[in-house]
Amino acid sequence: MLSCKELVAHSSDYLDAQLRLRERISVRAHLALCWRCRRFLRQMRVTQGVLRRLPEAAIPELEALTARLAELRKQNS
């Protein structure tokens, strides 16, 4: 059976359906017994959902702010 650390290492591939059958079975067996890893995967799914909703196009104001902050940082160094 997978350890929690191994499950975390496989979590992105599991959520993206990139695991082989044997690996998926190992992940599911671990999840059946470990509430902490089930909670972790729920949080990962929520995070993926939020990231999918973010705009893909660059936000001009954000880029201007980033440039200004970089400039201020150079001046203060």
PDB file of N, CA and C in Angstrom:
ATOM      1  N   MET A   1       0.846  -1.183   0.000  1.00  0.00           N
ATOM      2  CA  MET A   1       0.000   0.000   0.000  1.00  0.00           C
ATOM      3  C   MET A   1       0.886   1.239   0.000  1.00  0.00           C
ATOM      4  N   LEU A   2       0.391   2.299  -0.600  1.00  0.00           N
ATOM      5  CA  LEU A   2       1.109   3.562  -0.658  1.00  0.00           C
ATOM      6  C   LEU A   2       1.176   4.221   0.715  1.00  0.00           C
ATOM      7  N   SER A   3       2.246   4.949   0.933  1.00  0.00           N
ATOM      8  CA  SER A   3       2.315   5.817   2.115  1.00  0.00           C
ATOM      9  C   SER A   3       1.668   7.144   1.747  1.00  0.00           C
ATOM     10  N   CYS A   4       1.416   7.959   2.754  1.00  0.00           N
ATOM     11  CA  CYS A   4       0.841   9.289   2.491  1.00  0.00           C
ATOM     12  C   CYS A   4       1.780  10.108   1.599  1.00  0.00           C
ATOM     13  N   LYS A   5       3.059  10.006   1.850  1.00  0.00           N
ATOM     14  CA  LYS A   5       4.042  10.750   1.054  1.00  0.00           C
ATOM     15  C   LYS A   5       3.999  10.307  -0.410  1.00  0.00           C
ATOM     16  N   GLU A   6       3.868   9.014  -0.642  1.00  0.00           N
ATOM     17  CA  GLU A   6       3.786   8.510  -2.017  1.00  0.00           C
ATOM     18  C   GLU A   6       2.490   8.970  -2.683  1.00  0.00           C
ATOM     19  N   LEU A   7       1.406   8.981  -1.916  1.00  0.00           N
ATOM     20  CA  LEU A   7       0.142   9.444  -2.479  1.00  0.00           C
ATOM     21  C   LEU A   7       0.246  10.899  -2.916  1.00  0.00           C
ATOM     22  N   VAL A   8       0.840  11.726  -2.085  1.00  0.00           N
ATOM     23  CA  VAL A   8       1.012  13.133  -2.441  1.00  0.00           C
ATOM     24  C   VAL A   8       1.819  13.252  -3.737  1.00  0.00           C
ATOM     25  N   ALA A   9       2.856  12.430  -3.865  1.00  0.00           N
ATOM     26  CA  ALA A   9       3.685  12.472  -5.075  1.00  0.00           C
ATOM     27  C   ALA A   9       2.890  12.080  -6.324  1.00  0.00           C
ATOM     28  N   HIS A  10       1.893  11.223  -6.170  1.00  0.00           N
ATOM     29  CA  HIS A  10       1.081  10.771  -7.305  1.00  0.00           C
ATOM     30  C   HIS A  10      -0.201  11.581  -7.483  1.00  0.00           C
ATOM     31  N   SER A  11      -0.490  12.498  -6.590  1.00  0.00           N
ATOM     32  CA  SER A  11      -1.800  13.147  -6.563  1.00  0.00           C
ATOM     33  C   SER A  11      -2.138  13.905  -7.848  1.00  0.00           C
ATOM     34  N   SER A  12      -1.214  14.660  -8.385  1.00  0.00           N
ATOM     35  CA  SER A  12      -1.514  15.424  -9.613  1.00  0.00           C
ATOM     36  C   SER A  12      -1.810  14.482 -10.772  1.00  0.00           C
ATOM     37  N   ASP A  13      -1.003  13.446 -10.912  1.00  0.00           N
ATOM     38  CA  ASP A  13      -1.245  12.480 -11.987  1.00  0.00           C
ATOM     39  C   ASP A  13      -2.569  11.754 -11.784  1.00  0.00           C
ATOM     40  N   TYR A  14      -2.904  11.474 -10.539  1.00  0.00           N
ATOM     41  CA  TYR A  14      -4.187  10.823 -10.247  1.00  0.00           C
ATOM     42  C   TYR A  14      -5.355  11.726 -10.650  1.00  0.00           C
ATOM     43  N   LEU A  15      -5.288  12.979 -10.249  1.00  0.00           N
ATOM     44  CA  LEU A  15      -6.374  13.911 -10.570  1.00  0.00           C
ATOM     45  C   LEU A  15      -6.476  14.181 -12.064  1.00  0.00           C
ATOM     46  N   ASP A  16      -5.357  14.086 -12.767  1.00  0.00           N
ATOM     47  CA  ASP A  16      -5.346  14.309 -14.218  1.00  0.00           C
ATOM     48  C   ASP A  16      -5.558  13.015 -15.004  1.00  0.00           C
ATOM     49  N   ALA A  17      -5.869  11.922 -14.293  1.00  0.00           N
ATOM     50  CA  ALA A  17      -6.096  10.609 -14.911  1.00  0.00           C
ATOM     51  C   ALA A  17      -4.900  10.150 -15.736  1.00  0.00           C
ATOM     52  N   GLN A  18      -3.716  10.337 -15.183  1.00  0.00           N
ATOM     53  CA  GLN A  18      -2.488   9.964 -15.880  1.00  0.00           C
ATOM     54  C   GLN A  18      -1.815   8.725 -15.292  1.00  0.00           C
ATOM     55  N   LEU A  19      -2.447   8.061 -14.341  1.00  0.00           N
ATOM     56  CA  LEU A  19      -1.855   6.886 -13.711  1.00  0.00           C
ATOM     57  C   LEU A  19      -2.280   5.612 -14.424  1.00  0.00           C
ATOM     58  N   ARG A  20      -1.403   4.613 -14.371  1.00  0.00           N
ATOM     59  CA  ARG A  20      -1.759   3.296 -14.889  1.00  0.00           C
ATOM     60  C   ARG A  20      -2.745   2.649 -13.923  1.00  0.00           C
ATOM     61  N   LEU A  21      -3.387   1.606 -14.375  1.00  0.00           N
ATOM     62  CA  LEU A  21      -4.421   0.933 -13.589  1.00  0.00           C
ATOM     63  C   LEU A  21      -3.900   0.505 -12.215  1.00  0.00           C
ATOM     64  N   ARG A  22      -2.753  -0.105 -12.149  1.00  0.00           N
ATOM     65  CA  ARG A  22      -2.198  -0.575 -10.877  1.00  0.00           C
ATOM     66  C   ARG A  22      -1.963   0.594  -9.912  1.00  0.00           C
ATOM     67  N   GLU A  23      -1.461   1.710 -10.435  1.00  0.00           N
ATOM     68  CA  GLU A  23      -1.222   2.887  -9.589  1.00  0.00           C
ATOM     69  C   GLU A  23      -2.537   3.480  -9.095  1.00  0.00           C
ATOM     70  N   ARG A  24      -3.546   3.537  -9.973  1.00  0.00           N
ATOM     71  CA  ARG A  24      -4.868   4.044  -9.567  1.00  0.00           C
ATOM     72  C   ARG A  24      -5.469   3.194  -8.461  1.00  0.00           C
ATOM     73  N   ILE A  25      -5.326   1.888  -8.588  1.00  0.00           N
ATOM     74  CA  ILE A  25      -5.844   0.982  -7.571  1.00  0.00           C
ATOM     75  C   ILE A  25      -5.129   1.220  -6.246  1.00  0.00           C
ATOM     76  N   SER A  26      -3.818   1.418  -6.284  1.00  0.00           N
ATOM     77  CA  SER A  26      -3.053   1.688  -5.059  1.00  0.00           C
ATOM     78  C   SER A  26      -3.492   2.990  -4.404  1.00  0.00           C
ATOM     79  N   VAL A  27      -3.716   4.005  -5.221  1.00  0.00           N
ATOM     80  CA  VAL A  27      -4.164   5.297  -4.694  1.00  0.00           C
ATOM     81  C   VAL A  27      -5.543   5.144  -4.056  1.00  0.00           C
ATOM     82  N   ARG A  28      -6.445   4.483  -4.749  1.00  0.00           N
ATOM     83  CA  ARG A  28      -7.810   4.315  -4.225  1.00  0.00           C
ATOM     84  C   ARG A  28      -7.830   3.474  -2.951  1.00  0.00           C
ATOM     85  N   ALA A  29      -6.977   2.465  -2.875  1.00  0.00           N
ATOM     86  CA  ALA A  29      -6.902   1.653  -1.657  1.00  0.00           C
ATOM     87  C   ALA A  29      -6.426   2.503  -0.483  1.00  0.00           C
ATOM     88  N   HIS A  30      -5.438   3.341  -0.735  1.00  0.00           N
ATOM     89  CA  HIS A  30      -4.944   4.229   0.322  1.00  0.00           C
ATOM     90  C   HIS A  30      -6.037   5.216   0.743  1.00  0.00           C
ATOM     91  N   LEU A  31      -6.715   5.787  -0.230  1.00  0.00           N
ATOM     92  CA  LEU A  31      -7.770   6.765   0.074  1.00  0.00           C
ATOM     93  C   LEU A  31      -8.919   6.145   0.865  1.00  0.00           C
ATOM     94  N   ALA A  32      -9.177   4.857   0.646  1.00  0.00           N
ATOM     95  CA  ALA A  32     -10.248   4.189   1.382  1.00  0.00           C
ATOM     96  C   ALA A  32      -9.951   4.141   2.880  1.00  0.00           C
ATOM     97  N   LEU A  33      -8.671   4.198   3.234  1.00  0.00           N
ATOM     98  CA  LEU A  33      -8.278   4.077   4.636  1.00  0.00           C
ATOM     99  C   LEU A  33      -7.774   5.368   5.270  1.00  0.00           C
ATOM    100  N   CYS A  34      -7.478   6.371   4.481  1.00  0.00           N
ATOM    101  CA  CYS A  34      -6.801   7.560   5.017  1.00  0.00           C
ATOM    102  C   CYS A  34      -7.635   8.825   4.787  1.00  0.00           C
ATOM    103  N   TRP A  35      -8.265   9.318   5.836  1.00  0.00           N
ATOM    104  CA  TRP A  35      -9.107  10.503   5.705  1.00  0.00           C
ATOM    105  C   TRP A  35      -8.281  11.750   5.423  1.00  0.00           C
ATOM    106  N   ARG A  36      -7.048  11.787   5.903  1.00  0.00           N
ATOM    107  CA  ARG A  36      -6.209  12.973   5.650  1.00  0.00           C
ATOM    108  C   ARG A  36      -5.885  13.112   4.170  1.00  0.00           C
ATOM    109  N   CYS A  37      -5.598  12.012   3.518  1.00  0.00           N
ATOM    110  CA  CYS A  37      -5.297  12.078   2.092  1.00  0.00           C
ATOM    111  C   CYS A  37      -6.553  12.348   1.267  1.00  0.00           C
ATOM    112  N   ARG A  38      -7.704  11.846   1.728  1.00  0.00           N
ATOM    113  CA  ARG A  38      -8.959  12.193   1.046  1.00  0.00           C
ATOM    114  C   ARG A  38      -9.190  13.698   1.125  1.00  0.00           C
ATOM    115  N   ARG A  39      -8.956  14.265   2.295  1.00  0.00           N
ATOM    116  CA  ARG A  39      -9.115  15.713   2.460  1.00  0.00           C
ATOM    117  C   ARG A  39      -8.113  16.464   1.581  1.00  0.00           C
ATOM    118  N   PHE A  40      -6.867  15.978   1.529  1.00  0.00           N
ATOM    119  CA  PHE A  40      -5.843  16.592   0.692  1.00  0.00           C
ATOM    120  C   PHE A  40      -6.286  16.607  -0.775  1.00  0.00           C
ATOM    121  N   LEU A  41      -6.795  15.477  -1.267  1.00  0.00           N
ATOM    122  CA  LEU A  41      -7.225  15.426  -2.667  1.00  0.00           C
ATOM    123  C   LEU A  41      -8.429  16.321  -2.934  1.00  0.00           C
ATOM    124  N   ARG A  42      -9.339  16.418  -1.970  1.00  0.00           N
ATOM    125  CA  ARG A  42     -10.467  17.362  -2.134  1.00  0.00           C
ATOM    126  C   ARG A  42      -9.937  18.782  -2.273  1.00  0.00           C
ATOM    127  N   GLN A  43      -8.962  19.143  -1.452  1.00  0.00           N
ATOM    128  CA  GLN A  43      -8.369  20.475  -1.528  1.00  0.00           C
ATOM    129  C   GLN A  43      -7.659  20.682  -2.856  1.00  0.00           C
ATOM    130  N   MET A  44      -6.999  19.648  -3.346  1.00  0.00           N
ATOM    131  CA  MET A  44      -6.326  19.745  -4.653  1.00  0.00           C
ATOM    132  C   MET A  44      -7.355  19.968  -5.769  1.00  0.00           C
ATOM    133  N   ARG A  45      -8.484  19.281  -5.695  1.00  0.00           N
ATOM    134  CA  ARG A  45      -9.534  19.461  -6.712  1.00  0.00           C
ATOM    135  C   ARG A  45     -10.077  20.891  -6.685  1.00  0.00           C
ATOM    136  N   VAL A  46     -10.282  21.418  -5.493  1.00  0.00           N
ATOM    137  CA  VAL A  46     -10.763  22.794  -5.372  1.00  0.00           C
ATOM    138  C   VAL A  46      -9.734  23.750  -5.967  1.00  0.00           C
ATOM    139  N   THR A  47      -8.467  23.536  -5.653  1.00  0.00           N
ATOM    140  CA  THR A  47      -7.393  24.389  -6.179  1.00  0.00           C
ATOM    141  C   THR A  47      -7.364  24.340  -7.701  1.00  0.00           C
ATOM    142  N   GLN A  48      -7.461  23.141  -8.262  1.00  0.00           N
ATOM    143  CA  GLN A  48      -7.483  23.017  -9.722  1.00  0.00           C
ATOM    144  C   GLN A  48      -8.664  23.774 -10.318  1.00  0.00           C
ATOM    145  N   GLY A  49      -9.815  23.673  -9.679  1.00  0.00           N
ATOM    146  CA  GLY A  49     -11.005  24.375 -10.169  1.00  0.00           C
ATOM    147  C   GLY A  49     -10.828  25.879 -10.155  1.00  0.00           C
ATOM    148  N   VAL A  50     -10.237  26.391  -9.093  1.00  0.00           N
ATOM    149  CA  VAL A  50      -9.997  27.833  -9.000  1.00  0.00           C
ATOM    150  C   VAL A  50      -9.000  28.269 -10.070  1.00  0.00           C
ATOM    151  N   LEU A  51      -7.934  27.503 -10.242  1.00  0.00           N
ATOM    152  CA  LEU A  51      -6.939  27.859 -11.248  1.00  0.00           C
ATOM    153  C   LEU A  51      -7.509  27.837 -12.660  1.00  0.00           C
ATOM    154  N   ARG A  52      -8.419  26.919 -12.924  1.00  0.00           N
ATOM    155  CA  ARG A  52      -9.035  26.860 -14.258  1.00  0.00           C
ATOM    156  C   ARG A  52      -9.887  28.088 -14.531  1.00  0.00           C
ATOM    157  N   ARG A  53     -10.406  28.709 -13.486  1.00  0.00           N
ATOM    158  CA  ARG A  53     -11.278  29.880 -13.659  1.00  0.00           C
ATOM    159  C   ARG A  53     -10.497  31.190 -13.800  1.00  0.00           C
ATOM    160  N   LEU A  54      -9.221  31.164 -13.524  1.00  0.00           N
ATOM    161  CA  LEU A  54      -8.424  32.390 -13.646  1.00  0.00           C
ATOM    162  C   LEU A  54      -8.293  32.780 -15.110  1.00  0.00           C
ATOM    163  N   PRO A  55      -8.237  34.064 -15.382  1.00  0.00           N
ATOM    164  CA  PRO A  55      -8.089  34.491 -16.782  1.00  0.00           C
ATOM    165  C   PRO A  55      -6.724  34.082 -17.323  1.00  0.00           C
ATOM    166  N   GLU A  56      -6.712  33.657 -18.567  1.00  0.00           N
ATOM    167  CA  GLU A  56      -5.453  33.242 -19.188  1.00  0.00           C
ATOM    168  C   GLU A  56      -4.690  34.426 -19.747  1.00  0.00           C
ATOM    169  N   ALA A  57      -5.408  35.449 -20.159  1.00  0.00           N
ATOM    170  CA  ALA A  57      -4.758  36.623 -20.725  1.00  0.00           C
ATOM    171  C   ALA A  57      -4.064  37.420 -19.618  1.00  0.00           C
ATOM    172  N   ALA A  58      -2.972  38.026 -19.975  1.00  0.00           N
ATOM    173  CA  ALA A  58      -2.246  38.863 -19.023  1.00  0.00           C
ATOM    174  C   ALA A  58      -3.082  40.081 -18.647  1.00  0.00           C
ATOM    175  N   ILE A  59      -2.987  40.486 -17.430  1.00  0.00           N
ATOM    176  CA  ILE A  59      -3.699  41.653 -16.941  1.00  0.00           C
ATOM    177  C   ILE A  59      -2.726  42.828 -16.981  1.00  0.00           C
ATOM    178  N   PRO A  60      -2.978  43.830 -17.824  1.00  0.00           N
ATOM    179  CA  PRO A  60      -2.027  44.938 -17.987  1.00  0.00           C
ATOM    180  C   PRO A  60      -1.678  45.630 -16.668  1.00  0.00           C
ATOM    181  N   GLU A  61      -2.657  45.839 -15.818  1.00  0.00           N
ATOM    182  CA  GLU A  61      -2.384  46.522 -14.550  1.00  0.00           C
ATOM    183  C   GLU A  61      -1.435  45.706 -13.684  1.00  0.00           C
ATOM    184  N   LEU A  62      -1.591  44.400 -13.719  1.00  0.00           N
ATOM    185  CA  LEU A  62      -0.733  43.528 -12.923  1.00  0.00           C
ATOM    186  C   LEU A  62       0.695  43.563 -13.441  1.00  0.00           C
ATOM    187  N   GLU A  63       0.854  43.562 -14.748  1.00  0.00           N
ATOM    188  CA  GLU A  63       2.197  43.624 -15.320  1.00  0.00           C
ATOM    189  C   GLU A  63       2.860  44.967 -15.014  1.00  0.00           C
ATOM    190  N   ALA A  64       2.109  46.055 -15.062  1.00  0.00           N
ATOM    191  CA  ALA A  64       2.656  47.372 -14.737  1.00  0.00           C
ATOM    192  C   ALA A  64       3.066  47.423 -13.271  1.00  0.00           C
ATOM    193  N   LEU A  65       2.230  46.857 -12.400  1.00  0.00           N
ATOM    194  CA  LEU A  65       2.550  46.825 -10.975  1.00  0.00           C
ATOM    195  C   LEU A  65       3.801  45.990 -10.721  1.00  0.00           C
ATOM    196  N   THR A  66       3.915  44.853 -11.384  1.00  0.00           N
ATOM    197  CA  THR A  66       5.090  43.998 -11.226  1.00  0.00           C
ATOM    198  C   THR A  66       6.353  44.735 -11.654  1.00  0.00           C
ATOM    199  N   ALA A  67       6.284  45.435 -12.772  1.00  0.00           N
ATOM    200  CA  ALA A  67       7.441  46.191 -13.254  1.00  0.00           C
ATOM    201  C   ALA A  67       7.807  47.299 -12.277  1.00  0.00           C
ATOM    202  N   ARG A  68       6.824  47.983 -11.761  1.00  0.00           N
ATOM    203  CA  ARG A  68       7.074  49.069 -10.796  1.00  0.00           C
ATOM    204  C   ARG A  68       7.704  48.532  -9.513  1.00  0.00           C
ATOM    205  N   LEU A  69       7.197  47.414  -9.016  1.00  0.00           N
ATOM    206  CA  LEU A  69       7.769  46.814  -7.807  1.00  0.00           C
ATOM    207  C   LEU A  69       9.209  46.362  -8.030  1.00  0.00           C
ATOM    208  N   ALA A  70       9.481  45.812  -9.209  1.00  0.00           N
ATOM    209  CA  ALA A  70      10.851  45.402  -9.528  1.00  0.00           C
ATOM    210  C   ALA A  70      11.773  46.621  -9.571  1.00  0.00           C
ATOM    211  N   GLU A  71      11.279  47.712 -10.131  1.00  0.00           N
ATOM    212  CA  GLU A  71      12.054  48.951 -10.203  1.00  0.00           C
ATOM    213  C   GLU A  71      12.351  49.482  -8.798  1.00  0.00           C
ATOM    214  N   LEU A  72      11.345  49.515  -7.933  1.00  0.00           N
ATOM    215  CA  LEU A  72      11.536  49.966  -6.568  1.00  0.00           C
ATOM    216  C   LEU A  72      12.501  49.073  -5.790  1.00  0.00           C
ATOM    217  N   ARG A  73      12.435  47.824  -6.056  1.00  0.00           N
ATOM    218  CA  ARG A  73      13.336  46.883  -5.384  1.00  0.00           C
ATOM    219  C   ARG A  73      14.798  47.140  -5.766  1.00  0.00           C
ATOM    220  N   LYS A  74      15.016  47.421  -7.054  1.00  0.00           N
ATOM    221  CA  LYS A  74      16.376  47.716  -7.522  1.00  0.00           C
ATOM    222  C   LYS A  74      16.890  49.008  -6.873  1.00  0.00           C
ATOM    223  N   GLN A  75      16.009  49.995  -6.755  1.00  0.00           N
ATOM    224  CA  GLN A  75      16.407  51.264  -6.164  1.00  0.00           C
ATOM    225  C   GLN A  75      16.766  51.111  -4.688  1.00  0.00           C
ATOM    226  N   ASN A  76      16.095  50.235  -4.002  1.00  0.00           N
ATOM    227  CA  ASN A  76      16.321  50.052  -2.565  1.00  0.00           C
ATOM    228  C   ASN A  76      17.420  49.057  -2.243  1.00  0.00           C
ATOM    229  N   SER A  77      17.963  48.412  -3.253  1.00  0.00           N
ATOM    230  CA  SER A  77      19.016  47.419  -3.008  1.00  0.00           C
ATOM    231  C   SER A  77      20.383  48.037  -2.887  1.00  0.00           C
TER     232      SER A  77
END
